[in-house]
C-alpha atoms as a PDB file:
ATOM      1  CA  UNK A   1      -9.686 -17.387 -23.806  1.00  0.00           C
ATOM      2  CA  UNK A   2     -10.361 -15.080 -20.932  1.00  0.00           C
ATOM      3  CA  UNK A   3     -13.755 -15.073 -19.281  1.00  0.00           C
ATOM      4  CA  UNK A   4     -15.240 -12.906 -16.580  1.00  0.00           C
ATOM      5  CA  UNK A   5     -18.249 -13.832 -14.457  1.00  0.00           C
ATOM      6  CA  UNK A   6     -20.001 -10.814 -12.944  1.00  0.00           C
ATOM      7  CA  UNK A   7     -22.818 -10.861 -10.465  1.00  0.00           C
ATOM      8  CA  UNK A   8     -24.717  -7.594 -10.012  1.00  0.00           C
ATOM      9  CA  UNK A   9     -26.838  -6.717  -6.993  1.00  0.00           C
ATOM     10  CA  UNK A  10     -28.765  -3.675  -5.842  1.00  0.00           C
ATOM     11  CA  UNK A  11     -27.149  -4.021  -2.397  1.00  0.00           C
ATOM     12  CA  UNK A  12     -24.838  -6.335  -0.464  1.00  0.00           C
ATOM     13  CA  UNK A  13     -24.678  -7.478   3.156  1.00  0.00           C
ATOM     14  CA  UNK A  14     -21.122  -6.229   3.708  1.00  0.00           C
ATOM     15  CA  UNK A  15     -19.840  -3.551   1.311  1.00  0.00           C
ATOM     16  CA  UNK A  16     -16.142  -3.686   0.433  1.00  0.00           C
ATOM     17  CA  UNK A  17     -13.821  -0.947  -0.742  1.00  0.00           C
ATOM     18  CA  UNK A  18     -10.218  -0.241  -1.609  1.00  0.00           C
ATOM     19  CA  UNK A  19      -8.684   2.152   0.907  1.00  0.00           C
ATOM     20  CA  UNK A  20      -5.643   4.011  -0.426  1.00  0.00           C
ATOM     21  CA  UNK A  21      -2.686   4.490   1.900  1.00  0.00           C
ATOM     22  CA  UNK A  22      -0.293   6.826   0.154  1.00  0.00           C
ATOM     23  CA  UNK A  23       2.535   9.249   0.704  1.00  0.00           C
ATOM     24  CA  UNK A  24       2.204  11.772  -2.129  1.00  0.00           C
ATOM     25  CA  UNK A  25       4.738  14.188  -0.635  1.00  0.00           C
ATOM     26  CA  UNK A  26       7.703  12.614  -2.436  1.00  0.00           C
ATOM     27  CA  UNK A  27      10.788  14.629  -3.338  1.00  0.00           C
ATOM     28  CA  UNK A  28      13.570  12.091  -3.817  1.00  0.00           C
ATOM     29  CA  UNK A  29      17.058  13.549  -4.308  1.00  0.00           C
ATOM     30  CA  UNK A  30      19.057  12.232  -7.271  1.00  0.00           C
ATOM     31  CA  UNK A  31      21.966   9.869  -6.839  1.00  0.00           C
ATOM     32  CA  UNK A  32      21.123   8.192  -3.530  1.00  0.00           C
ATOM     33  CA  UNK A  33      19.070   5.604  -1.689  1.00  0.00           C
ATOM     34  CA  UNK A  34      16.204   7.235   0.231  1.00  0.00           C
ATOM     35  CA  UNK A  35      13.714   5.824   2.761  1.00  0.00           C
ATOM     36  CA  UNK A  36      10.266   7.414   3.053  1.00  0.00           C
ATOM     37  CA  UNK A  37       7.964   6.670   5.996  1.00  0.00           C
ATOM     38  CA  UNK A  38       4.311   7.487   6.512  1.00  0.00           C
ATOM     39  CA  UNK A  39       2.416   6.831   9.729  1.00  0.00           C
ATOM     40  CA  UNK A  40      -1.354   7.273   9.950  1.00  0.00           C
ATOM     41  CA  UNK A  41      -4.041   6.236  12.407  1.00  0.00           C
ATOM     42  CA  UNK A  42      -6.467   3.572  11.195  1.00  0.00           C
ATOM     43  CA  UNK A  43      -8.925   5.350   8.882  1.00  0.00           C
ATOM     44  CA  UNK A  44     -12.069   3.817  10.440  1.00  0.00           C
ATOM     45  CA  UNK A  45     -13.991   4.734  13.589  1.00  0.00           C
ATOM     46  CA  UNK A  46     -15.015   1.065  13.912  1.00  0.00           C
ATOM     47  CA  UNK A  47     -13.254  -2.255  13.390  1.00  0.00           C
ATOM     48  CA  UNK A  48     -12.105  -2.925   9.833  1.00  0.00           C
ATOM     49  CA  UNK A  49     -10.974  -6.102   8.129  1.00  0.00           C
ATOM     50  CA  UNK A  50      -8.204  -6.054   5.533  1.00  0.00           C
ATOM     51  CA  UNK A  51      -8.648  -8.926   3.086  1.00  0.00           C
ATOM     52  CA  UNK A  52      -5.671  -8.149   0.862  1.00  0.00           C
ATOM     53  CA  UNK A  53      -3.357  -5.457  -0.469  1.00  0.00           C
ATOM     54  CA  UNK A  54      -2.010  -4.015  -3.702  1.00  0.00           C
ATOM     55  CA  UNK A  55       1.489  -2.556  -3.140  1.00  0.00           C
ATOM     56  CA  UNK A  56       2.462   0.086  -5.702  1.00  0.00           C
ATOM     57  CA  UNK A  57       5.698   1.869  -6.606  1.00  0.00           C
ATOM     58  CA  UNK A  58       7.420   2.759  -9.878  1.00  0.00           C
ATOM     59  CA  UNK A  59      10.876   2.199 -11.357  1.00  0.00           C
ATOM     60  CA  UNK A  60      13.184   3.525  -8.611  1.00  0.00           C
ATOM     61  CA  UNK A  61      11.322   1.545  -5.946  1.00  0.00           C
ATOM     62  CA  UNK A  62      13.530  -0.897  -4.041  1.00  0.00           C
ATOM     63  CA  UNK A  63      11.319  -2.175  -1.212  1.00  0.00           C
ATOM     64  CA  UNK A  64       7.955  -1.566   0.440  1.00  0.00           C
ATOM     65  CA  UNK A  65       6.544  -2.520   3.834  1.00  0.00           C
ATOM     66  CA  UNK A  66       3.188  -1.927   5.497  1.00  0.00           C
ATOM     67  CA  UNK A  67       2.570  -2.762   9.141  1.00  0.00           C
ATOM     68  CA  UNK A  68      -0.121  -2.123  11.730  1.00  0.00           C
ATOM     69  CA  UNK A  69       0.464  -1.511  15.428  1.00  0.00           C
ATOM     70  CA  UNK A  70      -2.388  -2.285  17.815  1.00  0.00           C
ATOM     71  CA  UNK A  71      -1.944  -2.016  21.595  1.00  0.00           C
ATOM     72  CA  UNK A  72       1.837  -1.845  21.159  1.00  0.00           C
ATOM     73  CA  UNK A  73       2.037  -5.011  19.018  1.00  0.00           C
ATOM     74  CA  UNK A  74       3.269  -4.566  15.443  1.00  0.00           C
ATOM     75  CA  UNK A  75       2.075  -6.900  12.669  1.00  0.00           C
ATOM     76  CA  UNK A  76       3.410  -6.968   9.106  1.00  0.00           C
ATOM     77  CA  UNK A  77       0.678  -6.608   6.475  1.00  0.00           C
ATOM     78  CA  UNK A  78       2.966  -6.739   3.429  1.00  0.00           C
ATOM     79  CA  UNK A  79       6.730  -6.921   2.915  1.00  0.00           C
ATOM     80  CA  UNK A  80       8.183  -6.593  -0.576  1.00  0.00           C
ATOM     81  CA  UNK A  81      11.958  -6.765   0.019  1.00  0.00           C
ATOM     82  CA  UNK A  82      12.902  -6.532  -3.665  1.00  0.00           C
ATOM     83  CA  UNK A  83      10.434  -4.430  -5.639  1.00  0.00           C
ATOM     84  CA  UNK A  84       9.921  -5.178  -9.327  1.00  0.00           C
ATOM     85  CA  UNK A  85       7.907  -2.659 -11.349  1.00  0.00           C
ATOM     86  CA  UNK A  86       6.548  -5.474 -13.519  1.00  0.00           C
ATOM     87  CA  UNK A  87       5.278  -7.367 -10.433  1.00  0.00           C
ATOM     88  CA  UNK A  88       2.080  -5.653  -9.385  1.00  0.00           C
ATOM     89  CA  UNK A  89      -1.173  -7.233  -8.337  1.00  0.00           C
ATOM     90  CA  UNK A  90      -3.717  -7.913  -5.617  1.00  0.00           C
ATOM     91  CA  UNK A  91      -2.473 -10.224  -2.888  1.00  0.00           C
ATOM     92  CA  UNK A  92      -5.244 -11.735  -0.761  1.00  0.00           C
ATOM     93  CA  UNK A  93      -4.682 -13.024   2.776  1.00  0.00           C
ATOM     94  CA  UNK A  94      -5.738 -16.515   3.768  1.00  0.00           C
ATOM     95  CA  UNK A  95      -7.550 -14.883   6.712  1.00  0.00           C
ATOM     96  CA  UNK A  96      -8.485 -11.192   6.973  1.00  0.00           C
ATOM     97  CA  UNK A  97      -6.567  -8.970   9.388  1.00  0.00           C
ATOM     98  CA  UNK A  98      -8.603  -7.109  12.032  1.00  0.00           C
ATOM     99  CA  UNK A  99      -7.741  -3.401  12.331  1.00  0.00           C
ATOM    100  CA  UNK A 100      -9.408  -1.946  15.441  1.00  0.00           C
ATOM    101  CA  UNK A 101      -9.848   1.815  15.940  1.00  0.00           C
ATOM    102  CA  UNK A 102      -6.769   3.330  17.563  1.00  0.00           C
ATOM    103  CA  UNK A 103      -4.390   1.200  15.501  1.00  0.00           C
ATOM    104  CA  UNK A 104      -1.553   2.892  13.636  1.00  0.00           C
ATOM    105  CA  UNK A 105      -0.484   2.022  10.098  1.00  0.00           C
ATOM    106  CA  UNK A 106       3.114   2.506   8.928  1.00  0.00           C
ATOM    107  CA  UNK A 107       4.090   2.524   5.253  1.00  0.00           C
ATOM    108  CA  UNK A 108       7.816   2.444   4.412  1.00  0.00           C
ATOM    109  CA  UNK A 109       9.173   2.767   0.871  1.00  0.00           C
ATOM    110  CA  UNK A 110      12.831   2.669  -0.179  1.00  0.00           C
ATOM    111  CA  UNK A 111      14.039   4.161  -3.474  1.00  0.00           C
ATOM    112  CA  UNK A 112      17.312   4.055  -5.398  1.00  0.00           C
ATOM    113  CA  UNK A 113      17.834   7.136  -7.574  1.00  0.00           C
ATOM    114  CA  UNK A 114      21.571   6.592  -8.145  1.00  0.00           C
ATOM    115  CA  UNK A 115      21.051   6.570 -11.925  1.00  0.00           C
ATOM    116  CA  UNK A 116      19.181   9.890 -11.970  1.00  0.00           C
ATOM    117  CA  UNK A 117      20.438  13.462 -12.282  1.00  0.00           C
ATOM    118  CA  UNK A 118      17.237  15.246 -11.224  1.00  0.00           C
ATOM    119  CA  UNK A 119      14.918  14.912  -8.252  1.00  0.00           C
ATOM    120  CA  UNK A 120      12.099  12.386  -8.551  1.00  0.00           C
ATOM    121  CA  UNK A 121       8.663  13.467  -7.345  1.00  0.00           C
ATOM    122  CA  UNK A 122       5.217  11.916  -6.928  1.00  0.00           C
ATOM    123  CA  UNK A 123       3.371  11.413 -10.190  1.00  0.00           C
ATOM    124  CA  UNK A 124       1.474   9.135 -12.536  1.00  0.00           C
ATOM    125  CA  UNK A 125       4.281   8.584 -15.059  1.00  0.00           C
ATOM    126  CA  UNK A 126       6.668   5.635 -14.849  1.00  0.00           C
ATOM    127  CA  UNK A 127       9.618   8.033 -14.420  1.00  0.00           C
ATOM    128  CA  UNK A 128       7.799   9.607 -11.432  1.00  0.00           C
ATOM    129  CA  UNK A 129       7.341   7.705  -8.160  1.00  0.00           C
ATOM    130  CA  UNK A 130       4.653   6.542  -5.774  1.00  0.00           C
ATOM    131  CA  UNK A 131       4.590   5.086  -2.262  1.00  0.00           C
ATOM    132  CA  UNK A 132       1.194   3.456  -2.069  1.00  0.00           C
ATOM    133  CA  UNK A 133      -0.816   0.470  -0.884  1.00  0.00           C
ATOM    134  CA  UNK A 134      -4.445  -0.156  -1.706  1.00  0.00           C
ATOM    135  CA  UNK A 135      -6.052  -2.189   1.094  1.00  0.00           C
ATOM    136  CA  UNK A 136      -9.147  -4.241   0.238  1.00  0.00           C
ATOM    137  CA  UNK A 137     -11.330  -3.664   3.314  1.00  0.00           C
ATOM    138  CA  UNK A 138     -14.735  -4.305   4.835  1.00  0.00           C
ATOM    139  CA  UNK A 139     -16.261  -3.337   8.160  1.00  0.00           C
ATOM    140  CA  UNK A 140     -15.201  -5.687  10.955  1.00  0.00           C
END
């Protein structure tokens, strides 16, 4: 039996949200291994804490990495060296990671389209692709 315990409140001390980091400009050529990078500044004007991540790709996904660089120091937030489409979930950190303003996030996705004859683009379907991480965040 599955059970769910919900607690509802009119407000909370520290609101949390899922922040989507995504490269939706995918146009993967058929028949090759392709690496896609996306670099973005931290999305918050104040400190943020990342409590966990949900990496997401589809069937041609090979690997996914997300890192943050703060003051010239790079830290890995998630590294999935061998992507499996059936292996998707929320992965919580033992301790949250502080992301100060001015930090840069880098998302790298690798795809293998060697079995395909047409280009693969961003989309919702399993035959389409995504390069995405949802970060579970709160204010720092």
